[in-house]
Amino acid sequence: ITTNYALGAGLNPLKDGIFMEDKDSLYAIVLATRKGEETSQKSLVIKEILTSDKIKNFIIEKYKGSVIPTF
């Protein structure tokens, strides 16, 4: 199960997990858009925000290694 479900159930994936994917896993969550909207202003702004240092630091601090930013 993904980390959001484990956390919602009060579990600590690092402590309670049976298996953790490698940080280089091909199954990282991706940001996708409809064909033709890859370079739209809205898509580019969302990409910029979601891959910012502010979001990266939030993920690192909030999830303490249970979620690893791959960008």
N, C-alpha and C. Protein backbone atom coordinates (compact mmCIF):
# COMPACT_ATOMS: atom_id res chain seq x y z
N ILE A 1 0.85 -1.18 0.00
CA ILE A 1 0.00 0.00 0.00
C ILE A 1 0.89 1.23 0.00
N THR A 2 0.35 2.30 -0.48
CA THR A 2 1.14 3.52 -0.51
C THR A 2 1.18 4.16 0.87
N THR A 3 2.17 4.99 1.06
CA THR A 3 2.43 5.59 2.37
C THR A 3 1.23 6.35 2.92
N ASN A 4 0.47 7.02 2.07
CA ASN A 4 -0.65 7.81 2.59
C ASN A 4 -1.66 6.93 3.32
N TYR A 5 -1.89 5.71 2.85
CA TYR A 5 -2.82 4.81 3.54
C TYR A 5 -2.21 4.30 4.85
N ALA A 6 -0.93 3.99 4.84
CA ALA A 6 -0.27 3.52 6.06
C ALA A 6 -0.29 4.61 7.13
N LEU A 7 0.03 5.83 6.74
CA LEU A 7 0.02 6.94 7.71
C LEU A 7 -1.39 7.19 8.23
N GLY A 8 -2.37 7.11 7.36
CA GLY A 8 -3.77 7.31 7.76
C GLY A 8 -4.24 6.26 8.75
N ALA A 9 -3.62 5.09 8.72
CA ALA A 9 -3.97 4.02 9.64
C ALA A 9 -3.13 4.07 10.91
N GLY A 10 -2.32 5.12 11.05
CA GLY A 10 -1.50 5.27 12.25
C GLY A 10 -0.22 4.44 12.23
N LEU A 11 0.17 3.96 11.06
CA LEU A 11 1.39 3.16 10.95
C LEU A 11 2.58 4.04 10.56
N ASN A 12 3.76 3.60 10.93
CA ASN A 12 4.99 4.25 10.52
C ASN A 12 5.63 3.32 9.48
N PRO A 13 5.60 3.69 8.21
CA PRO A 13 6.11 2.79 7.18
C PRO A 13 7.55 2.34 7.39
N LEU A 14 8.39 3.20 7.95
CA LEU A 14 9.78 2.81 8.18
C LEU A 14 9.90 1.76 9.28
N LYS A 15 9.03 1.83 10.26
CA LYS A 15 9.08 0.91 11.40
C LYS A 15 8.16 -0.30 11.19
N ASP A 16 6.97 -0.06 10.66
CA ASP A 16 5.96 -1.11 10.55
C ASP A 16 5.94 -1.80 9.19
N GLY A 17 6.63 -1.25 8.22
CA GLY A 17 6.58 -1.79 6.86
C GLY A 17 7.28 -3.14 6.75
N ILE A 18 6.72 -3.99 5.92
CA ILE A 18 7.33 -5.29 5.63
C ILE A 18 8.33 -5.14 4.49
N PHE A 19 8.03 -4.25 3.56
CA PHE A 19 8.87 -4.04 2.39
C PHE A 19 8.81 -2.57 2.00
N MET A 20 9.94 -1.99 1.69
CA MET A 20 9.99 -0.61 1.21
C MET A 20 10.65 -0.62 -0.17
N GLU A 21 10.06 0.10 -1.10
CA GLU A 21 10.68 0.22 -2.42
C GLU A 21 11.97 1.00 -2.31
N ASP A 22 12.90 0.69 -3.20
CA ASP A 22 14.16 1.40 -3.27
C ASP A 22 13.91 2.84 -3.72
N LYS A 23 14.75 3.75 -3.27
CA LYS A 23 14.57 5.16 -3.64
C LYS A 23 14.69 5.38 -5.15
N ASP A 24 15.30 4.45 -5.86
CA ASP A 24 15.43 4.55 -7.31
C ASP A 24 14.36 3.75 -8.05
N SER A 25 13.29 3.40 -7.36
CA SER A 25 12.21 2.60 -7.93
C SER A 25 11.61 3.27 -9.16
N LEU A 26 11.20 2.46 -10.10
CA LEU A 26 10.53 2.97 -11.29
C LEU A 26 9.08 3.33 -11.01
N TYR A 27 8.62 3.08 -9.79
CA TYR A 27 7.22 3.28 -9.45
C TYR A 27 6.97 4.56 -8.67
N ALA A 28 7.80 5.55 -8.85
CA ALA A 28 7.58 6.85 -8.20
C ALA A 28 6.29 7.45 -8.75
N ILE A 29 5.61 8.20 -7.93
CA ILE A 29 4.39 8.87 -8.38
C ILE A 29 4.79 9.99 -9.35
N VAL A 30 4.05 10.13 -10.41
CA VAL A 30 4.40 11.10 -11.45
C VAL A 30 3.32 12.17 -11.60
N LEU A 31 3.71 13.28 -12.14
CA LEU A 31 2.78 14.34 -12.50
C LEU A 31 2.48 14.17 -13.98
N ALA A 32 1.22 14.02 -14.32
CA ALA A 32 0.84 13.79 -15.72
C ALA A 32 -0.16 14.85 -16.16
N THR A 33 -0.24 15.04 -17.47
CA THR A 33 -1.18 15.99 -18.05
C THR A 33 -1.71 15.42 -19.36
N ARG A 34 -2.77 15.98 -19.84
CA ARG A 34 -3.30 15.55 -21.13
C ARG A 34 -2.34 15.93 -22.25
N LYS A 35 -2.33 15.12 -23.29
CA LYS A 35 -1.50 15.40 -24.45
C LYS A 35 -1.83 16.79 -24.99
N GLY A 36 -0.79 17.56 -25.25
CA GLY A 36 -0.98 18.90 -25.76
C GLY A 36 -0.97 19.97 -24.68
N GLU A 37 -1.05 19.56 -23.41
CA GLU A 37 -1.06 20.54 -22.31
C GLU A 37 0.25 20.52 -21.52
N GLU A 38 1.24 19.78 -22.03
CA GLU A 38 2.51 19.65 -21.31
C GLU A 38 3.18 21.00 -21.07
N THR A 39 3.03 21.91 -22.00
CA THR A 39 3.70 23.21 -21.88
C THR A 39 2.72 24.36 -21.64
N SER A 40 1.50 24.02 -21.21
CA SER A 40 0.54 25.09 -20.90
C SER A 40 1.03 25.84 -19.65
N GLN A 41 0.62 27.08 -19.53
CA GLN A 41 1.03 27.90 -18.37
C GLN A 41 0.66 27.21 -17.06
N LYS A 42 -0.55 26.68 -16.98
CA LYS A 42 -1.01 26.03 -15.76
C LYS A 42 -0.13 24.81 -15.42
N SER A 43 0.16 23.98 -16.42
CA SER A 43 0.99 22.80 -16.18
C SER A 43 2.38 23.18 -15.72
N LEU A 44 2.96 24.19 -16.34
CA LEU A 44 4.31 24.62 -15.98
C LEU A 44 4.36 25.19 -14.57
N VAL A 45 3.34 25.94 -14.17
CA VAL A 45 3.29 26.50 -12.81
C VAL A 45 3.15 25.38 -11.79
N ILE A 46 2.27 24.42 -12.05
CA ILE A 46 2.10 23.29 -11.13
C ILE A 46 3.41 22.52 -11.01
N LYS A 47 4.07 22.26 -12.13
CA LYS A 47 5.36 21.55 -12.10
C LYS A 47 6.39 22.32 -11.28
N GLU A 48 6.47 23.63 -11.51
CA GLU A 48 7.44 24.46 -10.78
C GLU A 48 7.19 24.40 -9.28
N ILE A 49 5.94 24.50 -8.88
CA ILE A 49 5.60 24.48 -7.45
C ILE A 49 5.89 23.11 -6.84
N LEU A 50 5.43 22.05 -7.50
CA LEU A 50 5.57 20.70 -6.92
C LEU A 50 7.01 20.21 -6.89
N THR A 51 7.89 20.79 -7.70
CA THR A 51 9.28 20.37 -7.70
C THR A 51 10.20 21.41 -7.05
N SER A 52 9.62 22.32 -6.29
CA SER A 52 10.40 23.37 -5.64
C SER A 52 11.12 22.85 -4.40
N ASP A 53 12.14 23.57 -3.98
CA ASP A 53 12.86 23.22 -2.76
C ASP A 53 11.94 23.28 -1.55
N LYS A 54 10.98 24.20 -1.55
CA LYS A 54 10.04 24.33 -0.44
C LYS A 54 9.24 23.03 -0.27
N ILE A 55 8.74 22.48 -1.37
CA ILE A 55 7.97 21.23 -1.31
C ILE A 55 8.89 20.07 -0.95
N LYS A 56 10.08 20.04 -1.53
CA LYS A 56 11.04 18.98 -1.23
C LYS A 56 11.36 18.96 0.27
N ASN A 57 11.63 20.13 0.84
CA ASN A 57 11.93 20.21 2.27
C ASN A 57 10.73 19.82 3.13
N PHE A 58 9.53 20.21 2.70
CA PHE A 58 8.31 19.81 3.41
C PHE A 58 8.20 18.29 3.45
N ILE A 59 8.39 17.64 2.31
CA ILE A 59 8.30 16.18 2.25
C ILE A 59 9.33 15.54 3.17
N ILE A 60 10.54 16.02 3.13
CA ILE A 60 11.61 15.46 3.96
C ILE A 60 11.29 15.63 5.44
N GLU A 61 10.86 16.82 5.84
CA GLU A 61 10.57 17.09 7.25
C GLU A 61 9.30 16.39 7.72
N LYS A 62 8.27 16.38 6.92
CA LYS A 62 6.98 15.82 7.31
C LYS A 62 7.02 14.29 7.40
N TYR A 63 7.66 13.65 6.43
CA TYR A 63 7.57 12.19 6.33
C TYR A 63 8.79 11.44 6.83
N LYS A 64 9.83 12.16 7.23
CA LYS A 64 10.99 11.57 7.92
C LYS A 64 11.51 10.29 7.26
N GLY A 65 11.60 10.29 5.94
CA GLY A 65 12.15 9.14 5.23
C GLY A 65 11.12 8.15 4.72
N SER A 66 9.86 8.27 5.14
CA SER A 66 8.82 7.37 4.65
C SER A 66 8.46 7.69 3.21
N VAL A 67 8.60 8.96 2.83
CA VAL A 67 8.38 9.41 1.46
C VAL A 67 9.67 10.11 1.04
N ILE A 68 10.17 9.77 -0.12
CA ILE A 68 11.42 10.36 -0.60
C ILE A 68 11.14 11.14 -1.88
N PRO A 69 11.42 12.45 -1.88
CA PRO A 69 11.23 13.20 -3.12
C PRO A 69 12.21 12.71 -4.18
N THR A 70 11.70 12.45 -5.37
CA THR A 70 12.56 11.90 -6.43
C THR A 70 12.82 12.92 -7.53
N PHE A 71 12.57 14.18 -7.25
CA PHE A 71 12.80 15.21 -8.26
C PHE A 71 14.02 16.02 -7.91
